[in-house]
Every structure is written in structure tokens, then in C-alpha cells.
Amino acid sequence: MPAPALLRQHSRTLVIAAAAVPLALVALADDVRVRRQLHIARRDPLTGLPGRDVLLDRTARLAHSRREHLHVLVADADGLKVVNDTLRHAAGDALIVAIGRRLSTWTADRGGLAARLGGDEFGVVLLLPTTAAVREIIVALRELLAQPVDHEGQILRPAVSIGTARGRDLPDAADASRILRGADMAMYRVKTGQQPCGYVATRQDAYTHAVHGRRPGRPGTHLPVA
């Protein structure tokens, strides 16, 4: 091919390549934007915590790789309905935000993940040594979450019931949903006074009959604020 033809061909290639660069940048920006939107969509708008699906995903991965140390907690605020009915929902939201923030900080300090499961219910997944004194840890966490909250000059006193499930206490066939169900059932037993704070789920708790994947009945919180 004559030299002028080669130059023309080279010039066309450069023009095409130059045009492709902005398109690639646009595609990258769109990808980043979509990822950011998905990240935001998976977070609770009130507390900023991730949701149930993120918690289940982390639990599933740890159940596969670190089951011996896996702990899942479910925390449920007591008396929130009374707060909403008497002090309005802004006060209830303030309690949820405070509990979520404290739980998130406590969990992050231990390398775990906290999530809002819905309403006044939160979940935590983390790794603890097999020698950990779980009951003492949960009692201390409950006391931390129960610290007073100042809402527009009014002191609110949250109370939280916490249930725990350990991967090593449940069959290897128990998946993330089953482990979470065990923690939820343990929380319910604590909340209703059947078991003391620090109670750890049994196989029976994890295999409790469920309706649409949730513990049947799921009574709302009704205990008065202390």
C-alpha cells in the first residue's frame, strides 16, 4: 500500500479510537452510577443500614467458610408501639435511629455486619471465638442499646430483646435463612420471658414452623417504656 494510503488508514484508526474513548468513559460512569444506585437501594433510608438480603448473603458466606465461629443476633425494640402512639412516630424513629447507630458501631468494632430487618427489628452477623462468653456479651450489648436517647429535649429509654444463634449449634444443612430464624425465635423467647437474656437458639428454634419465611404470629411490641 502506498505511503499516503497508509497514512490515511492510520488517521482513520486514530479517529475511531479517539471516538471510542469518550464512549468507554460514559459506559464506566453509567456502571458506577448504577452500582451506587443499587448500593443506596439496598440500604434502609432511615438508619442507613443494609437490609435483610445483605445480612443473609454475609451469613451464607460465613456459614460456608467460618461456621464454627458464626453468630447471628436478632434485636427487637420493646415498647416502640407505645412510643409511636403516645409521642408520635418522630420519637419512635429517633429510637430506631439511635439503636441502629449503636448496634452498627458495636458490630463494626468486632468486624461484623448490622442490618435493619424491618420495623423495629435488627440483625447482626459476626464471628466470635468458640470460647466467647456469649451471655455476658449479649447482656453488655443490651445495656449499651438501652442508654437514654434525647429527642427534642425529651428523654427516651429504649429497651431491646436480643436472641442469638450459633452456626456450630445447628446442623450443617441449616442455611442462612434457617440460622436467622433460630436467632429470631431465640429473641422471641427472650422477649416473652420464656428465656433469659443471652439465650442461644437450639435446633428446635431454627426449625420452628414458618409462614412465608417468618415466625408465625410475630406479635408487635407492646411493653411500656421503662
Protein backbone atom coordinates (compact mmCIF):
# COMPACT_ATOMS: atom_id res chain seq x y z
CA MET A 1 0.00 0.00 0.00
CA PRO A 2 1.42 3.44 -0.90
CA ALA A 3 2.57 5.63 1.96
CA PRO A 4 -0.29 8.20 1.60
CA ALA A 5 -2.82 5.36 1.80
CA LEU A 6 -1.14 4.05 4.94
CA LEU A 7 -1.30 7.48 6.50
CA ARG A 8 -4.99 7.81 5.64
CA GLN A 9 -5.71 4.38 7.14
CA HIS A 10 -3.73 5.27 10.29
CA SER A 11 -5.61 8.56 10.62
CA ARG A 12 -9.00 6.80 10.38
CA THR A 13 -7.89 4.33 13.07
CA LEU A 14 -6.88 7.18 15.36
CA VAL A 15 -10.21 8.94 14.79
CA ILE A 16 -12.17 5.77 15.60
CA ALA A 17 -10.05 5.11 18.70
CA ALA A 18 -10.45 8.71 19.86
CA ALA A 19 -14.20 8.46 19.44
CA ALA A 20 -14.30 5.21 21.41
CA VAL A 21 -12.60 6.72 24.48
CA PRO A 22 -15.49 9.04 25.43
CA LEU A 23 -17.94 6.17 24.88
CA ALA A 24 -15.90 3.98 27.21
CA LEU A 25 -15.84 6.75 29.81
CA VAL A 26 -19.61 7.18 29.51
CA ALA A 27 -20.12 3.43 29.94
CA LEU A 28 -17.86 3.42 33.01
CA ALA A 29 -19.69 6.38 34.52
CA ASP A 30 -23.03 4.66 33.90
CA ASP A 31 -21.75 1.47 35.54
CA VAL A 32 -20.55 3.41 38.60
CA ARG A 33 -23.89 5.24 38.76
CA VAL A 34 -25.89 2.02 38.58
CA ARG A 35 -23.72 0.40 41.26
CA ARG A 36 -24.17 3.43 43.51
CA GLN A 37 -27.94 3.38 42.99
CA LEU A 38 -28.08 -0.34 43.81
CA HIS A 39 -25.96 0.27 46.91
CA ILE A 40 -28.33 3.01 48.06
CA ALA A 41 -31.39 0.92 47.24
CA ARG A 42 -30.12 -1.91 49.43
CA ARG A 43 -29.85 0.39 52.45
CA ASP A 44 -32.59 1.40 54.83
CA PRO A 45 -33.41 5.09 54.29
CA LEU A 46 -33.98 5.80 57.99
CA THR A 47 -30.90 4.20 59.57
CA GLY A 48 -28.58 3.83 56.58
CA LEU A 49 -28.09 0.17 57.46
CA PRO A 50 -28.20 -2.59 54.84
CA GLY A 51 -31.25 -4.80 54.66
CA ARG A 52 -32.14 -8.44 55.18
CA ASP A 53 -30.75 -9.64 51.83
CA VAL A 54 -27.29 -8.26 52.61
CA LEU A 55 -27.33 -9.88 56.06
CA LEU A 56 -28.38 -13.23 54.61
CA ASP A 57 -25.68 -13.05 51.95
CA ARG A 58 -22.95 -12.40 54.54
CA THR A 59 -24.37 -15.14 56.79
CA ALA A 60 -24.38 -17.65 53.93
CA ARG A 61 -20.74 -16.95 53.09
CA LEU A 62 -19.60 -17.23 56.70
CA ALA A 63 -21.70 -20.35 57.28
CA HIS A 64 -19.75 -21.95 54.46
CA SER A 65 -16.26 -20.79 55.47
CA ARG A 66 -16.29 -19.97 59.21
CA ARG A 67 -19.32 -21.83 60.59
CA GLU A 68 -17.63 -22.74 63.89
CA HIS A 69 -17.36 -19.05 64.85
CA LEU A 70 -20.53 -17.75 63.18
CA HIS A 71 -23.00 -15.89 65.42
CA VAL A 72 -26.25 -14.28 64.25
CA LEU A 73 -28.18 -11.92 66.51
CA VAL A 74 -31.70 -10.55 66.21
CA ALA A 75 -32.55 -7.48 68.29
CA ASP A 76 -36.10 -6.19 68.66
CA ALA A 77 -37.07 -2.90 70.33
CA ASP A 78 -39.57 -3.24 73.18
CA GLY A 79 -42.37 -0.73 73.61
CA LEU A 80 -41.99 1.06 70.27
CA LYS A 81 -45.72 0.98 69.58
CA VAL A 82 -46.38 2.77 72.86
CA VAL A 83 -43.81 5.41 71.94
CA ASN A 84 -45.39 5.88 68.50
CA ASP A 85 -48.90 6.08 69.95
CA THR A 86 -48.08 8.48 72.78
CA LEU A 87 -45.19 10.58 71.48
CA ARG A 88 -45.77 10.20 67.72
CA HIS A 89 -43.68 8.46 65.10
CA ALA A 90 -40.86 11.02 65.10
CA ALA A 91 -39.93 9.83 68.59
CA GLY A 92 -40.16 6.21 67.50
CA ASP A 93 -37.94 6.97 64.51
CA ALA A 94 -35.42 8.63 66.85
CA LEU A 95 -35.26 5.44 68.91
CA ILE A 96 -34.80 3.28 65.83
CA VAL A 97 -32.02 5.53 64.54
CA ALA A 98 -30.25 5.53 67.92
CA ILE A 99 -30.47 1.75 68.29
CA GLY A 100 -29.30 1.25 64.71
CA ARG A 101 -26.34 3.59 65.14
CA ARG A 102 -25.22 1.98 68.40
CA LEU A 103 -25.65 -1.51 67.03
CA SER A 104 -23.75 -0.64 63.86
CA THR A 105 -20.81 0.82 65.79
CA TRP A 106 -20.68 -2.12 68.20
CA THR A 107 -20.77 -4.61 65.35
CA ALA A 108 -18.23 -2.80 63.17
CA ASP A 109 -15.78 -2.74 66.08
CA ARG A 110 -15.95 -6.56 66.00
CA GLY A 111 -15.66 -6.90 62.25
CA GLY A 112 -19.31 -7.83 61.76
CA LEU A 113 -22.32 -6.51 59.88
CA ALA A 114 -25.50 -4.95 61.27
CA ALA A 115 -28.72 -4.66 59.25
CA ARG A 116 -32.26 -3.44 59.70
CA LEU A 117 -34.62 -6.33 59.10
CA GLY A 118 -37.74 -4.18 59.15
CA GLY A 119 -39.78 -2.16 61.62
CA ASP A 120 -38.05 -2.21 64.99
CA GLU A 121 -36.05 -5.37 64.27
CA PHE A 122 -32.32 -5.54 63.58
CA GLY A 123 -29.94 -8.34 62.68
CA VAL A 124 -26.22 -8.82 63.25
CA VAL A 125 -23.79 -11.35 61.83
CA LEU A 126 -20.28 -11.65 63.24
CA LEU A 127 -17.54 -14.07 64.18
CA LEU A 128 -16.75 -14.78 67.82
CA PRO A 129 -14.24 -17.20 69.37
CA THR A 130 -15.69 -20.54 70.42
CA THR A 131 -14.60 -19.65 73.96
CA ALA A 132 -16.55 -16.37 73.97
CA ALA A 133 -18.88 -15.85 76.93
CA VAL A 134 -21.90 -15.18 74.71
CA ARG A 135 -24.35 -14.47 77.51
CA GLU A 136 -22.12 -11.80 79.04
CA ILE A 137 -21.54 -10.24 75.60
CA ILE A 138 -25.27 -10.04 74.87
CA VAL A 139 -26.10 -8.64 78.33
CA ALA A 140 -23.49 -5.91 77.83
CA LEU A 141 -24.87 -5.15 74.35
CA ARG A 142 -28.40 -4.88 75.71
CA GLU A 143 -27.20 -2.38 78.32
CA LEU A 144 -25.44 -0.35 75.62
CA LEU A 145 -28.57 -0.21 73.47
CA ALA A 146 -30.67 0.77 76.50
CA GLN A 147 -28.79 4.02 77.09
CA PRO A 148 -31.20 7.03 77.16
CA VAL A 149 -31.95 8.92 73.94
CA ASP A 150 -32.54 12.67 73.96
CA HIS A 151 -35.28 13.53 71.47
CA GLU A 152 -36.11 17.23 71.29
CA GLY A 153 -35.41 17.64 74.99
CA GLN A 154 -37.39 14.56 76.00
CA ILE A 155 -35.52 11.55 77.38
CA LEU A 156 -36.50 8.25 75.78
CA ARG A 157 -35.42 4.99 77.37
CA PRO A 158 -35.13 2.19 74.82
CA ALA A 159 -35.30 -1.47 75.73
CA VAL A 160 -34.22 -4.27 73.42
CA SER A 161 -34.69 -8.04 73.41
CA ILE A 162 -31.85 -9.99 71.78
CA GLY A 163 -31.71 -13.57 70.55
CA THR A 164 -28.64 -15.43 69.30
CA ALA A 165 -27.98 -18.38 67.00
CA ARG A 166 -24.58 -20.04 66.56
CA GLY A 167 -23.63 -21.88 63.41
CA ARG A 168 -21.91 -24.65 65.32
CA ASP A 169 -25.07 -25.45 67.31
CA LEU A 170 -27.15 -26.10 64.20
CA PRO A 171 -26.93 -28.84 61.56
CA ASP A 172 -24.60 -28.25 58.63
CA ALA A 173 -27.70 -28.35 56.42
CA ALA A 174 -29.10 -25.25 58.15
CA ASP A 175 -28.74 -22.41 55.65
CA ALA A 176 -28.60 -18.66 56.31
CA SER A 177 -32.39 -18.29 56.49
CA ARG A 178 -32.61 -21.15 58.97
CA ILE A 179 -29.88 -19.66 61.18
CA LEU A 180 -31.59 -16.27 61.12
CA ARG A 181 -34.88 -17.95 62.01
CA GLY A 182 -33.19 -19.55 65.01
CA ALA A 183 -31.95 -16.15 66.21
CA ASP A 184 -35.40 -14.66 65.64
CA MET A 185 -37.05 -17.41 67.65
CA ALA A 186 -34.47 -17.03 70.42
CA MET A 187 -35.24 -13.30 70.52
CA TYR A 188 -38.97 -14.07 70.77
CA ARG A 189 -38.37 -16.44 73.70
CA VAL A 190 -36.40 -13.71 75.48
CA LYS A 191 -38.97 -11.05 74.66
CA THR A 192 -41.85 -13.12 76.05
CA GLY A 193 -39.95 -14.07 79.20
CA GLN A 194 -39.58 -17.73 78.32
CA GLN A 195 -35.79 -17.46 78.39
CA PRO A 196 -33.28 -15.03 79.96
CA CYS A 197 -31.17 -12.51 78.07
CA GLY A 198 -28.28 -14.31 76.42
CA TYR A 199 -30.34 -17.32 75.38
CA VAL A 200 -28.87 -19.17 72.38
CA ALA A 201 -31.09 -20.85 69.79
CA THR A 202 -31.43 -24.61 69.65
CA ARG A 203 -32.07 -26.81 66.62
CA GLN A 204 -35.77 -26.75 67.54
CA ASP A 205 -35.79 -22.94 67.43
CA ALA A 206 -34.16 -22.89 64.00
CA TYR A 207 -36.66 -25.41 62.63
CA THR A 208 -39.76 -23.73 64.02
CA HIS A 209 -42.60 -23.73 61.51
CA ALA A 210 -42.64 -20.54 59.46
CA VAL A 211 -45.27 -18.68 57.47
CA HIS A 212 -43.81 -17.04 54.36
CA GLY A 213 -40.38 -17.47 55.86
CA ARG A 214 -41.22 -15.63 59.07
CA ARG A 215 -42.05 -16.79 62.59
CA PRO A 216 -45.86 -17.20 62.78
CA GLY A 217 -47.77 -14.70 64.86
CA ARG A 218 -44.96 -12.12 65.11
CA PRO A 219 -46.76 -10.02 67.76
CA GLY A 220 -46.00 -6.31 67.74
CA THR A 221 -44.04 -4.72 70.53
CA HIS A 222 -46.36 -3.80 73.38
CA LEU A 223 -44.27 -3.44 76.51
CA PRO A 224 -44.27 0.04 78.08
CA VAL A 225 -41.15 2.15 78.01
CA ALA A 226 -39.28 1.92 81.31
